[in-house]
Amino acid sequence: MPGSLDKIAGTLTLGLVFYLTSTHESFAYLDPGAGSMILTSILGILAATIYTLKGYLHRITSFFRKEHRDATRSPAQEQD
């Protein structure tokens, strides 16, 4: 537990340092297309992550199912 508190404190400290060092004006312009591009990127990463985790979960659950074990037997083993 103390290790996780150190990680949280370190993350908060690092975030605070980044925030305090980047508070100057930045005369930048983001057009309306940039916001939709960022949103599409975030949604794409989220969808890919969910799809990948679903595949791993399917592999794990199919390993422990009885149907999986029965399907891996060859017909020669069933005749014995």
N, C-alpha and C. Protein backbone atom coordinates (compact mmCIF):
# COMPACT_ATOMS: atom_id res chain seq x y z
N MET A 1 0.81 -1.20 0.00
CA MET A 1 0.00 0.00 0.00
C MET A 1 0.85 1.27 0.00
N PRO A 2 1.93 1.33 0.81
CA PRO A 2 2.73 2.56 0.79
C PRO A 2 3.37 2.82 -0.57
N GLY A 3 3.69 1.77 -1.32
CA GLY A 3 4.26 1.97 -2.65
C GLY A 3 3.30 2.67 -3.58
N SER A 4 2.02 2.31 -3.50
CA SER A 4 1.03 2.94 -4.38
C SER A 4 0.80 4.39 -4.00
N LEU A 5 0.90 4.70 -2.71
CA LEU A 5 0.76 6.09 -2.29
C LEU A 5 1.93 6.93 -2.80
N ASP A 6 3.11 6.35 -2.84
CA ASP A 6 4.27 7.06 -3.38
C ASP A 6 4.08 7.34 -4.86
N LYS A 7 3.51 6.38 -5.60
CA LYS A 7 3.27 6.59 -7.03
C LYS A 7 2.25 7.69 -7.26
N ILE A 8 1.20 7.71 -6.45
CA ILE A 8 0.17 8.74 -6.58
C ILE A 8 0.75 10.11 -6.26
N ALA A 9 1.53 10.20 -5.18
CA ALA A 9 2.14 11.47 -4.79
C ALA A 9 3.11 11.94 -5.87
N GLY A 10 3.88 11.03 -6.44
CA GLY A 10 4.81 11.39 -7.50
C GLY A 10 4.10 11.89 -8.74
N THR A 11 2.99 11.23 -9.09
CA THR A 11 2.22 11.64 -10.26
C THR A 11 1.61 13.02 -10.05
N LEU A 12 1.05 13.24 -8.87
CA LEU A 12 0.48 14.56 -8.58
C LEU A 12 1.53 15.66 -8.58
N THR A 13 2.69 15.36 -8.03
CA THR A 13 3.78 16.34 -8.01
C THR A 13 4.24 16.67 -9.42
N LEU A 14 4.40 15.63 -10.25
CA LEU A 14 4.81 15.85 -11.63
C LEU A 14 3.76 16.66 -12.40
N GLY A 15 2.50 16.36 -12.19
CA GLY A 15 1.43 17.12 -12.84
C GLY A 15 1.43 18.57 -12.40
N LEU A 16 1.65 18.81 -11.13
CA LEU A 16 1.70 20.17 -10.61
C LEU A 16 2.88 20.94 -11.20
N VAL A 17 4.02 20.30 -11.32
CA VAL A 17 5.20 20.95 -11.91
C VAL A 17 4.92 21.30 -13.37
N PHE A 18 4.34 20.38 -14.13
CA PHE A 18 4.01 20.67 -15.53
C PHE A 18 3.01 21.82 -15.63
N TYR A 19 2.03 21.83 -14.75
CA TYR A 19 1.03 22.89 -14.79
C TYR A 19 1.65 24.25 -14.48
N LEU A 20 2.48 24.31 -13.47
CA LEU A 20 3.06 25.59 -13.07
C LEU A 20 4.10 26.10 -14.06
N THR A 21 4.74 25.20 -14.78
CA THR A 21 5.75 25.65 -15.75
C THR A 21 5.16 25.97 -17.11
N SER A 22 3.91 25.68 -17.33
CA SER A 22 3.33 25.93 -18.66
C SER A 22 2.15 26.90 -18.60
N THR A 23 2.19 27.86 -17.71
CA THR A 23 1.07 28.80 -17.58
C THR A 23 1.28 30.09 -18.36
N HIS A 24 2.28 30.17 -19.20
CA HIS A 24 2.48 31.38 -20.00
C HIS A 24 1.55 31.36 -21.22
N GLU A 25 1.33 32.50 -21.80
CA GLU A 25 0.44 32.60 -22.95
C GLU A 25 1.05 31.89 -24.15
N SER A 26 0.21 31.24 -24.91
CA SER A 26 0.72 30.47 -26.05
C SER A 26 0.02 30.85 -27.32
N PHE A 27 -0.13 31.86 -27.83
CA PHE A 27 -0.79 32.35 -29.02
C PHE A 27 -1.00 31.26 -30.08
N ALA A 28 -1.74 30.23 -29.74
CA ALA A 28 -1.98 29.12 -30.66
C ALA A 28 -3.45 29.14 -31.08
N TYR A 29 -3.71 28.54 -32.24
CA TYR A 29 -5.07 28.48 -32.75
C TYR A 29 -5.40 27.05 -33.11
N LEU A 30 -6.51 26.57 -32.61
CA LEU A 30 -7.00 25.25 -32.96
C LEU A 30 -8.28 25.43 -33.74
N ASP A 31 -8.27 24.98 -34.97
CA ASP A 31 -9.49 25.10 -35.77
C ASP A 31 -10.50 24.03 -35.35
N PRO A 32 -11.76 24.14 -35.77
CA PRO A 32 -12.79 23.18 -35.36
C PRO A 32 -12.46 21.73 -35.76
N GLY A 33 -11.71 21.54 -36.83
CA GLY A 33 -11.37 20.19 -37.27
C GLY A 33 -10.39 19.51 -36.32
N ALA A 34 -9.58 20.29 -35.61
CA ALA A 34 -8.61 19.70 -34.69
C ALA A 34 -9.30 19.03 -33.51
N GLY A 35 -10.37 19.62 -33.01
CA GLY A 35 -11.09 19.02 -31.89
C GLY A 35 -11.72 17.69 -32.28
N SER A 36 -12.30 17.64 -33.47
CA SER A 36 -12.91 16.38 -33.89
C SER A 36 -11.85 15.33 -34.18
N MET A 37 -10.68 15.75 -34.65
CA MET A 37 -9.59 14.81 -34.89
C MET A 37 -9.09 14.22 -33.56
N ILE A 38 -8.95 15.04 -32.56
CA ILE A 38 -8.52 14.56 -31.25
C ILE A 38 -9.56 13.61 -30.66
N LEU A 39 -10.83 13.98 -30.75
CA LEU A 39 -11.90 13.12 -30.24
C LEU A 39 -11.93 11.78 -30.97
N THR A 40 -11.76 11.80 -32.29
CA THR A 40 -11.75 10.55 -33.06
C THR A 40 -10.56 9.69 -32.68
N SER A 41 -9.42 10.28 -32.43
CA SER A 41 -8.24 9.52 -32.01
C SER A 41 -8.46 8.86 -30.66
N ILE A 42 -9.03 9.60 -29.73
CA ILE A 42 -9.30 9.04 -28.40
C ILE A 42 -10.29 7.90 -28.49
N LEU A 43 -11.35 8.07 -29.26
CA LEU A 43 -12.34 7.00 -29.40
C LEU A 43 -11.76 5.78 -30.11
N GLY A 44 -10.89 5.99 -31.09
CA GLY A 44 -10.24 4.88 -31.78
C GLY A 44 -9.33 4.09 -30.86
N ILE A 45 -8.56 4.78 -30.05
CA ILE A 45 -7.68 4.10 -29.08
C ILE A 45 -8.51 3.33 -28.07
N LEU A 46 -9.59 3.91 -27.61
CA LEU A 46 -10.47 3.23 -26.66
C LEU A 46 -11.09 1.97 -27.28
N ALA A 47 -11.56 2.07 -28.51
CA ALA A 47 -12.17 0.91 -29.18
C ALA A 47 -11.14 -0.19 -29.40
N ALA A 48 -9.92 0.16 -29.81
CA ALA A 48 -8.88 -0.84 -30.02
C ALA A 48 -8.50 -1.53 -28.72
N THR A 49 -8.44 -0.77 -27.63
CA THR A 49 -8.11 -1.35 -26.33
C THR A 49 -9.19 -2.32 -25.88
N ILE A 50 -10.45 -1.93 -26.03
CA ILE A 50 -11.55 -2.81 -25.63
C ILE A 50 -11.55 -4.08 -26.47
N TYR A 51 -11.34 -3.96 -27.77
CA TYR A 51 -11.33 -5.11 -28.67
C TYR A 51 -10.20 -6.08 -28.30
N THR A 52 -9.02 -5.53 -27.99
CA THR A 52 -7.88 -6.36 -27.62
C THR A 52 -8.14 -7.08 -26.30
N LEU A 53 -8.65 -6.36 -25.31
CA LEU A 53 -8.94 -6.98 -24.02
C LEU A 53 -10.03 -8.03 -24.14
N LYS A 54 -10.99 -7.80 -25.01
CA LYS A 54 -12.05 -8.79 -25.23
C LYS A 54 -11.47 -10.08 -25.81
N GLY A 55 -10.53 -9.94 -26.72
CA GLY A 55 -9.88 -11.12 -27.31
C GLY A 55 -9.12 -11.91 -26.27
N TYR A 56 -8.36 -11.22 -25.40
CA TYR A 56 -7.63 -11.91 -24.34
C TYR A 56 -8.59 -12.58 -23.36
N LEU A 57 -9.68 -11.89 -23.01
CA LEU A 57 -10.65 -12.48 -22.10
C LEU A 57 -11.29 -13.72 -22.70
N HIS A 58 -11.56 -13.69 -24.01
CA HIS A 58 -12.15 -14.84 -24.68
C HIS A 58 -11.19 -16.03 -24.64
N ARG A 59 -9.90 -15.77 -24.87
CA ARG A 59 -8.91 -16.85 -24.82
C ARG A 59 -8.83 -17.47 -23.43
N ILE A 60 -8.86 -16.63 -22.42
CA ILE A 60 -8.75 -17.13 -21.04
C ILE A 60 -9.98 -17.95 -20.67
N THR A 61 -11.17 -17.43 -20.98
CA THR A 61 -12.39 -18.15 -20.60
C THR A 61 -12.56 -19.42 -21.42
N SER A 62 -12.16 -19.42 -22.69
CA SER A 62 -12.31 -20.63 -23.49
C SER A 62 -11.33 -21.71 -23.04
N PHE A 63 -10.24 -21.33 -22.43
CA PHE A 63 -9.28 -22.32 -21.92
C PHE A 63 -9.88 -23.11 -20.76
N PHE A 64 -10.71 -22.47 -19.95
CA PHE A 64 -11.26 -23.13 -18.78
C PHE A 64 -12.62 -23.78 -19.01
N ARG A 65 -13.19 -23.63 -20.17
CA ARG A 65 -14.50 -24.22 -20.44
C ARG A 65 -14.37 -25.70 -20.80
N LYS A 66 -15.41 -26.46 -20.47
CA LYS A 66 -15.41 -27.89 -20.75
C LYS A 66 -15.49 -28.15 -22.25
N GLU A 67 -16.26 -27.34 -22.98
CA GLU A 67 -16.41 -27.54 -24.41
C GLU A 67 -15.06 -27.42 -25.11
N HIS A 68 -14.21 -26.54 -24.62
CA HIS A 68 -12.90 -26.36 -25.24
C HIS A 68 -12.07 -27.62 -25.07
N ARG A 69 -12.11 -28.22 -23.91
CA ARG A 69 -11.34 -29.43 -23.65
C ARG A 69 -11.86 -30.59 -24.49
N ASP A 70 -13.18 -30.69 -24.64
CA ASP A 70 -13.75 -31.77 -25.44
C ASP A 70 -13.45 -31.57 -26.92
N ALA A 71 -13.42 -30.35 -27.38
CA ALA A 71 -13.19 -30.07 -28.80
C ALA A 71 -11.75 -30.34 -29.20
N THR A 72 -10.83 -30.30 -28.24
CA THR A 72 -9.42 -30.52 -28.57
C THR A 72 -9.07 -32.00 -28.67
N ARG A 73 -9.95 -32.87 -28.28
CA ARG A 73 -9.70 -34.31 -28.42
C ARG A 73 -9.83 -34.73 -29.86
N SER A 74 -8.97 -35.61 -30.27
CA SER A 74 -9.04 -36.10 -31.63
C SER A 74 -10.01 -37.27 -31.69
N PRO A 75 -10.57 -37.60 -32.86
CA PRO A 75 -11.52 -38.73 -32.97
C PRO A 75 -10.89 -40.06 -32.56
N ALA A 76 -9.59 -40.22 -32.74
CA ALA A 76 -8.94 -41.47 -32.35
C ALA A 76 -8.98 -41.65 -30.83
N GLN A 77 -8.87 -40.57 -30.07
CA GLN A 77 -8.92 -40.67 -28.61
C GLN A 77 -10.32 -41.00 -28.14
N GLU A 78 -11.35 -40.55 -28.82
CA GLU A 78 -12.72 -40.81 -28.40
C GLU A 78 -13.10 -42.27 -28.63
N GLN A 79 -12.51 -42.97 -29.58
CA GLN A 79 -12.86 -44.35 -29.86
C GLN A 79 -12.27 -45.29 -28.84
N ASP A 80 -11.22 -44.90 -28.15
CA ASP A 80 -10.58 -45.80 -27.17
C ASP A 80 -11.41 -46.03 -25.96
